[in-house]
Amino acid sequence: MDSRLAGVLREFSGALKGVRGQLGSLEARLNALEKAKEKEIPISPFMPLGPMMAPSEKYTLDWTVIVFDVSLPANGRLPVIRTIPSGTMFWLRKITSKHDGAYQVQIFDAQSGRNLVSENRWVHVDNIAGTAQLPYMLEGHRVYQSQTQIRVDFQDLSGDPNKIEFVMHGILYIFGAGE
């Protein structure tokens, strides 16, 4: 009986050390967030990646969406461009789509011509955009600077007219606000 009790106590002691270690890690993260708040440095929700940037001016954060409304003819193709507002920065977090039929996309930084999909390939909507109930969440950072033009090329695959609402959800950094 005593040896079983001793074994349980050893297991409990090991678990307690693990919890203490996790609490220490959380405390360090909280301290880093507090320091960043004092210095007005935005911290990524993925704390191990650290500060995204260190702006020299004040800013505010706001959730926003960039909407691409498209009406494609059967088997049609159409590029649509949206511009990030001046004095802001857009951090893309997720993509959703509502559409009548299948389509594919390519997403470009219009100024540089850089395709956000490797190998300049078309991507079927099911592989790049989720639904409002289950959005496609981007991993890591995809940040667009002020005045960047985002071009999305749409191509219908359904063979019928296709009404599409392609939405990029993210955080808009508004610089100069809050002064």
Protein backbone atom coordinates (compact mmCIF):
# COMPACT_ATOMS: atom_id res chain seq x y z
CA MET A 1 0.00 0.00 0.00
CA ASP A 2 2.79 2.43 0.90
CA SER A 3 4.67 1.75 -2.36
CA ARG A 4 1.53 2.50 -4.41
CA LEU A 5 1.01 5.73 -2.50
CA ALA A 6 4.65 6.67 -3.05
CA GLY A 7 4.25 5.96 -6.79
CA VAL A 8 1.14 8.15 -7.00
CA LEU A 9 2.94 10.94 -5.14
CA ARG A 10 5.90 10.72 -7.56
CA GLU A 11 3.54 10.93 -10.57
CA PHE A 12 1.70 13.85 -8.97
CA SER A 13 4.99 15.61 -8.26
CA GLY A 14 6.09 15.18 -11.91
CA ALA A 15 2.75 16.49 -13.18
CA LEU A 16 2.99 19.46 -10.83
CA LYS A 17 6.45 20.31 -12.18
CA GLY A 18 5.02 20.21 -15.73
CA VAL A 19 2.19 22.56 -14.76
CA ARG A 20 4.68 24.92 -13.09
CA GLY A 21 6.76 24.92 -16.30
CA GLN A 22 3.68 25.75 -18.38
CA LEU A 23 2.70 28.52 -15.98
CA GLY A 24 6.21 29.96 -16.23
CA SER A 25 5.96 29.91 -20.02
CA LEU A 26 2.56 31.64 -19.90
CA GLU A 27 3.92 34.21 -17.45
CA ALA A 28 6.84 34.96 -19.80
CA ARG A 29 4.42 35.37 -22.71
CA LEU A 30 2.20 37.69 -20.65
CA ASN A 31 5.24 39.78 -19.68
CA ALA A 32 6.29 40.04 -23.34
CA LEU A 33 2.77 41.13 -24.30
CA GLU A 34 2.75 43.78 -21.56
CA LYS A 35 6.15 45.12 -22.67
CA ALA A 36 4.97 45.20 -26.28
CA LYS A 37 1.83 47.05 -25.23
CA GLU A 38 3.94 49.65 -23.41
CA LYS A 39 6.13 50.11 -26.48
CA GLU A 40 3.16 49.85 -28.84
CA ILE A 41 4.65 46.91 -30.77
CA PRO A 42 2.03 44.60 -32.28
CA ILE A 43 2.64 41.00 -31.35
CA SER A 44 1.66 38.13 -33.57
CA PRO A 45 -0.92 35.77 -32.06
CA PHE A 46 1.76 33.16 -32.76
CA MET A 47 4.00 34.39 -29.96
CA PRO A 48 7.06 32.28 -30.87
CA LEU A 49 7.30 34.28 -34.10
CA GLY A 50 7.65 37.46 -32.08
CA PRO A 51 6.86 41.06 -32.98
CA MET A 52 5.63 41.59 -36.52
CA MET A 53 7.07 45.08 -36.71
CA ALA A 54 7.99 48.05 -34.56
CA PRO A 55 6.20 51.12 -35.91
CA SER A 56 7.48 54.52 -34.90
CA GLU A 57 3.98 55.97 -34.85
CA LYS A 58 0.77 55.13 -33.04
CA TYR A 59 -1.77 52.87 -34.66
CA THR A 60 -5.06 51.14 -34.04
CA LEU A 61 -6.12 47.66 -35.09
CA ASP A 62 -9.41 46.77 -36.71
CA TRP A 63 -10.79 43.56 -38.18
CA THR A 64 -11.76 44.10 -41.80
CA VAL A 65 -12.58 42.27 -45.01
CA ILE A 66 -11.59 42.82 -48.62
CA VAL A 67 -14.44 41.68 -50.85
CA PHE A 68 -14.09 40.58 -54.46
CA ASP A 69 -17.60 40.43 -56.02
CA VAL A 70 -17.42 38.78 -59.42
CA SER A 71 -19.96 37.69 -62.02
CA LEU A 72 -18.27 35.34 -64.46
CA PRO A 73 -19.81 34.18 -67.70
CA ALA A 74 -19.72 30.44 -68.39
CA ASN A 75 -16.05 29.41 -68.66
CA GLY A 76 -15.09 33.09 -68.34
CA ARG A 77 -11.99 34.62 -66.84
CA LEU A 78 -11.68 37.97 -65.04
CA PRO A 79 -8.97 39.76 -62.98
CA VAL A 80 -10.16 41.95 -60.07
CA ILE A 81 -7.90 44.39 -58.19
CA ARG A 82 -8.33 45.84 -54.69
CA THR A 83 -5.91 48.35 -53.11
CA ILE A 84 -4.83 48.45 -49.46
CA PRO A 85 -5.76 51.95 -48.18
CA SER A 86 -3.04 54.57 -47.72
CA GLY A 87 -1.63 54.78 -44.19
CA THR A 88 -2.58 51.20 -43.35
CA MET A 89 -1.23 47.68 -43.48
CA PHE A 90 -3.37 44.54 -43.99
CA TRP A 91 -2.56 41.24 -42.29
CA LEU A 92 -4.45 38.50 -44.16
CA ARG A 93 -5.71 35.81 -41.78
CA LYS A 94 -8.40 33.80 -43.59
CA ILE A 95 -10.24 33.44 -46.90
CA THR A 96 -13.88 32.53 -47.53
CA SER A 97 -16.00 32.19 -50.64
CA LYS A 98 -19.66 31.92 -51.58
CA HIS A 99 -20.25 30.95 -55.20
CA ASP A 100 -22.75 29.40 -57.61
CA GLY A 101 -20.31 26.97 -59.23
CA ALA A 102 -16.73 25.75 -59.25
CA TYR A 103 -13.92 28.14 -60.15
CA GLN A 104 -10.20 28.56 -59.75
CA VAL A 105 -8.04 31.53 -58.74
CA GLN A 106 -4.58 32.99 -58.80
CA ILE A 107 -3.69 35.68 -56.25
CA PHE A 108 -1.03 38.28 -57.08
CA ASP A 109 0.67 41.28 -55.57
CA ALA A 110 -0.19 43.44 -58.59
CA GLN A 111 2.83 45.78 -58.27
CA SER A 112 5.50 43.10 -58.07
CA GLY A 113 3.60 40.50 -60.09
CA ARG A 114 4.44 37.95 -57.40
CA ASN A 115 1.97 35.09 -57.30
CA LEU A 116 1.01 34.05 -53.78
CA VAL A 117 0.68 30.45 -54.95
CA SER A 118 3.93 28.72 -55.73
CA GLU A 119 4.71 27.77 -59.31
CA ASN A 120 2.21 30.36 -60.67
CA ARG A 121 -0.53 27.73 -60.69
CA TRP A 122 -4.27 28.10 -60.68
CA VAL A 123 -5.87 26.82 -57.46
CA HIS A 124 -9.37 25.37 -57.20
CA VAL A 125 -11.57 27.36 -54.82
CA ASP A 126 -12.00 24.31 -52.55
CA ASN A 127 -8.26 24.37 -51.85
CA ILE A 128 -7.86 28.06 -51.02
CA ALA A 129 -11.15 29.39 -49.64
CA GLY A 130 -13.41 28.01 -46.97
CA THR A 131 -16.96 28.90 -46.06
CA ALA A 132 -18.24 31.37 -43.50
CA GLN A 133 -18.75 28.44 -41.13
CA LEU A 134 -15.35 26.88 -41.85
CA PRO A 135 -12.93 29.49 -43.27
CA TYR A 136 -9.54 28.68 -44.74
CA MET A 137 -7.07 29.89 -42.10
CA LEU A 138 -3.66 30.98 -43.33
CA GLU A 139 -0.61 29.79 -41.46
CA GLY A 140 2.10 32.30 -40.75
CA HIS A 141 2.14 35.88 -41.96
CA ARG A 142 0.81 37.35 -45.18
CA VAL A 143 1.09 41.11 -44.78
CA TYR A 144 0.29 43.71 -47.43
CA GLN A 145 1.77 47.20 -47.08
CA SER A 146 -0.09 50.45 -47.71
CA GLN A 147 -1.13 51.02 -51.33
CA THR A 148 -0.42 47.41 -52.32
CA GLN A 149 -2.74 46.22 -55.05
CA ILE A 150 -4.03 42.68 -54.63
CA ARG A 151 -5.12 41.11 -57.90
CA VAL A 152 -7.23 37.97 -57.91
CA ASP A 153 -7.73 36.26 -61.26
CA PHE A 154 -10.94 34.22 -61.41
CA GLN A 155 -11.71 31.49 -63.96
CA ASP A 156 -15.06 29.68 -64.11
CA LEU A 157 -14.97 25.87 -64.19
CA SER A 158 -18.72 25.22 -63.93
CA GLY A 159 -19.71 25.89 -67.53
CA ASP A 160 -22.53 28.15 -66.29
CA PRO A 161 -22.67 31.81 -65.26
CA ASN A 162 -21.06 32.04 -61.83
CA LYS A 163 -21.68 34.69 -59.15
CA ILE A 164 -18.74 34.74 -56.71
CA GLU A 165 -18.08 36.52 -53.43
CA PHE A 166 -14.40 35.92 -52.53
CA VAL A 167 -13.51 37.48 -49.17
CA MET A 168 -10.11 38.07 -47.55
CA HIS A 169 -10.48 38.56 -43.79
CA GLY A 170 -7.76 40.16 -41.71
CA ILE A 171 -6.47 42.83 -39.41
CA LEU A 172 -6.06 46.38 -40.66
CA TYR A 173 -3.31 48.40 -38.96
CA ILE A 174 -4.31 52.08 -39.18
CA PHE A 175 -1.22 54.24 -38.62
CA GLY A 176 -1.39 57.70 -37.10
CA ALA A 177 -4.58 56.86 -35.22
CA GLY A 178 -4.90 57.35 -31.51
CA GLU A 179 -2.45 60.26 -31.24
